[in-house]
């Protein structure tokens, strides 16, 4: 016998939409802090990237076919990096959404203070979100 179809109530639809919004806010903030995290090694500057691009341009005419392929890819990667070097991640908008939704998300998913701290969320942001150590 086929199952009787039931319609979702407006309250259920609203709850699902709220859950998606909370999840999106938390995910976006966590991805933003990951992107803003300092990387190991020497920091590249626009001058150092331009210097390497110049060296690649000098080496390309005399390079073998395989080396030309690798140098061309490196040049493409460096040009992309140079374009995006100034695109620093602005955490403020993501942080605002996180602060608004994180507590409800944490309660719904059973995520505690220590777990948020272990993935890089600052104590100050958690405090503003209303997430305490006793959660």
Protein backbone atom coordinates (compact mmCIF):
# COMPACT_ATOMS: atom_id res chain seq x y z
CA UNK A 1 0.00 0.00 0.00
CA UNK A 2 1.48 3.39 -0.96
CA UNK A 3 2.39 5.69 1.83
CA UNK A 4 0.04 8.57 2.40
CA UNK A 5 1.74 11.80 1.45
CA UNK A 6 1.90 14.36 4.19
CA UNK A 7 2.45 18.01 3.68
CA UNK A 8 5.06 19.90 5.64
CA UNK A 9 3.67 22.50 7.95
CA UNK A 10 4.79 26.09 7.69
CA UNK A 11 6.46 25.74 11.10
CA UNK A 12 8.47 22.74 9.85
CA UNK A 13 9.53 24.62 6.72
CA UNK A 14 10.58 27.60 8.84
CA UNK A 15 12.60 25.35 11.15
CA UNK A 16 14.40 23.78 8.19
CA UNK A 17 15.17 27.21 6.73
CA UNK A 18 16.49 28.42 10.10
CA UNK A 19 18.73 25.36 10.35
CA UNK A 20 20.13 25.98 6.88
CA UNK A 21 20.79 29.63 7.73
CA UNK A 22 22.56 28.70 11.00
CA UNK A 23 24.64 26.06 9.27
CA UNK A 24 25.63 28.47 6.48
CA UNK A 25 26.68 31.19 8.94
CA UNK A 26 28.82 28.80 10.99
CA UNK A 27 30.38 27.18 7.90
CA UNK A 28 31.18 30.52 6.25
CA UNK A 29 32.90 31.83 9.39
CA UNK A 30 34.93 28.66 9.89
CA UNK A 31 36.04 28.73 6.24
CA UNK A 32 36.94 32.42 6.53
CA UNK A 33 39.13 31.92 9.60
CA UNK A 34 40.81 28.99 7.83
CA UNK A 35 41.51 31.16 4.78
CA UNK A 36 42.89 33.97 6.96
CA UNK A 37 45.17 31.66 8.93
CA UNK A 38 48.86 32.45 8.43
CA UNK A 39 50.75 29.96 6.30
CA UNK A 40 54.18 28.49 6.96
CA UNK A 41 57.24 29.80 5.20
CA UNK A 42 58.37 33.11 3.86
CA UNK A 43 55.56 35.47 2.96
CA UNK A 44 55.34 36.45 -0.68
CA UNK A 45 55.25 40.12 -1.52
CA UNK A 46 54.18 41.69 -4.79
CA UNK A 47 57.85 42.57 -5.42
CA UNK A 48 59.03 38.98 -4.92
CA UNK A 49 56.30 37.65 -7.21
CA UNK A 50 57.17 40.20 -9.92
CA UNK A 51 60.84 39.29 -9.60
CA UNK A 52 60.06 35.60 -10.12
CA UNK A 53 57.77 36.42 -13.08
CA UNK A 54 60.64 38.33 -14.65
CA UNK A 55 62.98 35.36 -14.11
CA UNK A 56 60.45 33.05 -15.75
CA UNK A 57 60.12 35.36 -18.77
CA UNK A 58 63.91 35.32 -19.11
CA UNK A 59 64.14 31.53 -18.85
CA UNK A 60 61.24 30.66 -21.20
CA UNK A 61 62.93 31.19 -24.61
CA UNK A 62 65.78 28.76 -23.84
CA UNK A 63 63.70 26.18 -21.95
CA UNK A 64 62.97 22.66 -23.18
CA UNK A 65 59.39 21.80 -24.07
CA UNK A 66 58.71 20.20 -20.69
CA UNK A 67 60.43 22.99 -18.76
CA UNK A 68 58.47 25.57 -20.79
CA UNK A 69 55.26 23.81 -19.76
CA UNK A 70 56.24 23.93 -16.08
CA UNK A 71 57.41 27.54 -16.24
CA UNK A 72 54.22 28.61 -18.01
CA UNK A 73 52.12 26.96 -15.30
CA UNK A 74 54.21 28.62 -12.59
CA UNK A 75 53.73 31.98 -14.32
CA UNK A 76 49.96 31.42 -14.42
CA UNK A 77 49.91 30.51 -10.73
CA UNK A 78 52.01 33.55 -9.80
CA UNK A 79 49.86 35.93 -11.83
CA UNK A 80 46.77 34.57 -10.08
CA UNK A 81 48.47 34.93 -6.70
CA UNK A 82 49.51 38.50 -7.51
CA UNK A 83 45.94 39.41 -8.47
CA UNK A 84 44.53 37.92 -5.27
CA UNK A 85 47.26 39.05 -2.90
CA UNK A 86 45.31 42.09 -1.80
CA UNK A 87 42.07 40.13 -1.37
CA UNK A 88 42.41 39.75 2.39
CA UNK A 89 39.52 37.94 3.98
CA UNK A 90 37.25 40.34 5.86
CA UNK A 91 36.08 38.39 8.88
CA UNK A 92 33.71 41.02 10.24
CA UNK A 93 30.69 40.09 8.10
CA UNK A 94 31.22 36.37 8.66
CA UNK A 95 31.80 36.94 12.36
CA UNK A 96 28.55 38.86 12.68
CA UNK A 97 26.59 35.96 11.16
CA UNK A 98 28.44 33.46 13.33
CA UNK A 99 27.70 35.40 16.52
CA UNK A 100 24.03 35.58 15.57
CA UNK A 101 23.57 31.87 14.79
CA UNK A 102 26.30 29.87 16.51
CA UNK A 103 24.60 29.29 19.85
CA UNK A 104 21.43 27.85 18.32
CA UNK A 105 23.51 25.76 15.92
CA UNK A 106 25.72 24.46 18.74
CA UNK A 107 22.74 23.52 20.86
CA UNK A 108 21.03 21.75 17.96
CA UNK A 109 24.18 19.80 17.00
CA UNK A 110 25.60 19.24 20.49
CA UNK A 111 28.82 21.17 19.82
CA UNK A 112 30.62 22.47 22.89
CA UNK A 113 32.93 25.39 23.61
CA UNK A 114 36.13 23.32 23.45
CA UNK A 115 35.27 21.99 20.00
CA UNK A 116 34.82 25.50 18.61
CA UNK A 117 38.11 26.55 20.22
CA UNK A 118 39.92 23.56 18.70
CA UNK A 119 38.97 24.67 15.18
CA UNK A 120 40.20 28.21 15.71
CA UNK A 121 37.22 30.23 16.94
CA UNK A 122 38.44 32.81 19.45
CA UNK A 123 37.17 32.89 23.02
CA UNK A 124 36.02 36.48 22.52
CA UNK A 125 33.84 35.54 19.52
CA UNK A 126 32.36 32.59 21.42
CA UNK A 127 31.58 34.84 24.37
CA UNK A 128 29.79 37.31 22.08
CA UNK A 129 27.86 34.40 20.57
CA UNK A 130 26.76 33.30 24.03
CA UNK A 131 28.64 30.02 23.94
CA UNK A 132 30.18 29.30 27.33
CA UNK A 133 32.45 26.60 28.69
CA UNK A 134 29.52 25.08 30.55
CA UNK A 135 27.58 24.30 27.36
